[in-house]
Amino acid sequence: MCAGQARKEPQWDPGWDKDKWEFYQDRRCFWRWRRTAPNGNIVGAACQGYRTRNDCEANALRNGWPGKERCSGQVKETP
């Protein structure tokens, strides 16, 4: 940042509620999550697999998932 430049504050993305969150098990039976934007682009995903779904959801929470209560109807279950 240059001297005299004002620092920009991060903006809250009001479109987060339109993203779809998918929780699924990979071929090795590890849990993963994926975040998909309304245009179909994948904008986030777990970089590792988790042994339990709870651990996977905890990682998704740290990465912007609003949680089950705030995301009703937008969490896709993939067998």
Protein backbone atom coordinates (compact mmCIF):
# COMPACT_ATOMS: atom_id res chain seq x y z
CA MET A 1 0.00 0.00 0.00
CA CYS A 2 1.35 3.40 -0.93
CA ALA A 3 1.69 6.21 1.60
CA GLY A 4 -1.41 8.38 1.72
CA GLN A 5 -3.70 5.71 0.28
CA ALA A 6 -6.78 4.88 2.25
CA ARG A 7 -7.12 1.24 3.15
CA LYS A 8 -10.22 -0.43 1.73
CA GLU A 9 -12.34 -2.34 4.17
CA PRO A 10 -13.46 -5.78 2.98
CA GLN A 11 -17.01 -5.74 1.70
CA TRP A 12 -19.56 -8.29 2.86
CA ASP A 13 -20.84 -10.27 -0.08
CA PRO A 14 -24.64 -10.06 -0.01
CA GLY A 15 -24.88 -12.88 -2.55
CA TRP A 16 -23.67 -15.62 -0.22
CA ASP A 17 -27.21 -16.82 0.35
CA LYS A 18 -27.59 -17.65 -3.35
CA ASP A 19 -24.59 -20.01 -3.32
CA LYS A 20 -25.25 -23.74 -3.00
CA TRP A 21 -23.29 -25.87 -0.56
CA GLU A 22 -22.81 -29.57 -1.26
CA PHE A 23 -21.56 -32.14 1.25
CA TYR A 24 -20.53 -35.49 -0.17
CA GLN A 25 -18.31 -38.52 0.35
CA ASP A 26 -15.46 -39.13 -2.06
CA ARG A 27 -14.31 -42.52 -3.41
CA ARG A 28 -12.32 -43.18 -0.24
CA CYS A 29 -15.40 -42.43 1.93
CA PHE A 30 -14.03 -39.13 3.24
CA TRP A 31 -16.40 -36.19 3.62
CA ARG A 32 -15.87 -33.07 1.48
CA TRP A 33 -17.77 -29.86 0.75
CA ARG A 34 -18.17 -27.72 -2.35
CA ARG A 35 -19.59 -24.19 -2.77
CA THR A 36 -21.20 -23.35 -6.14
CA ALA A 37 -22.19 -19.85 -7.31
CA PRO A 38 -25.54 -19.25 -9.06
CA ASN A 39 -23.76 -19.21 -12.44
CA GLY A 40 -22.50 -22.78 -11.84
CA ASN A 41 -18.88 -21.93 -11.05
CA ILE A 42 -17.33 -23.72 -8.10
CA VAL A 43 -16.08 -20.94 -5.85
CA GLY A 44 -14.86 -23.02 -2.92
CA ALA A 45 -14.13 -26.60 -1.94
CA ALA A 46 -12.54 -28.65 0.83
CA CYS A 47 -8.87 -29.22 0.07
CA GLN A 48 -8.85 -32.43 2.10
CA GLY A 49 -11.25 -35.17 3.10
CA TYR A 50 -12.66 -35.52 6.62
CA ARG A 51 -13.50 -38.76 8.45
CA THR A 52 -16.73 -37.36 9.91
CA ARG A 53 -19.36 -35.08 8.48
CA ASN A 54 -19.16 -32.91 11.62
CA ASP A 55 -15.47 -32.21 10.95
CA CYS A 56 -16.31 -31.40 7.33
CA GLU A 57 -19.08 -29.00 8.39
CA ALA A 58 -16.74 -27.33 10.89
CA ASN A 59 -14.27 -26.67 8.07
CA ALA A 60 -17.05 -25.32 5.85
CA LEU A 61 -18.10 -22.96 8.67
CA ARG A 62 -14.54 -21.60 8.81
CA ASN A 63 -14.78 -21.02 5.05
CA GLY A 64 -18.04 -19.10 4.93
CA TRP A 65 -20.83 -21.67 5.21
CA PRO A 66 -23.61 -19.98 7.19
CA GLY A 67 -24.63 -23.26 8.85
CA LYS A 68 -27.65 -25.54 8.66
CA GLU A 69 -30.00 -23.07 10.33
CA ARG A 70 -29.28 -20.19 7.94
CA CYS A 71 -28.91 -22.27 4.80
CA SER A 72 -32.14 -24.22 4.71
CA GLY A 73 -32.98 -25.63 1.32
CA GLN A 74 -29.58 -24.84 -0.17
CA VAL A 75 -27.52 -27.73 1.13
CA LYS A 76 -27.38 -30.56 -1.36
CA GLU A 77 -26.81 -34.10 -0.10
CA THR A 78 -24.83 -36.27 -2.46
CA PRO A 79 -24.71 -39.98 -1.61
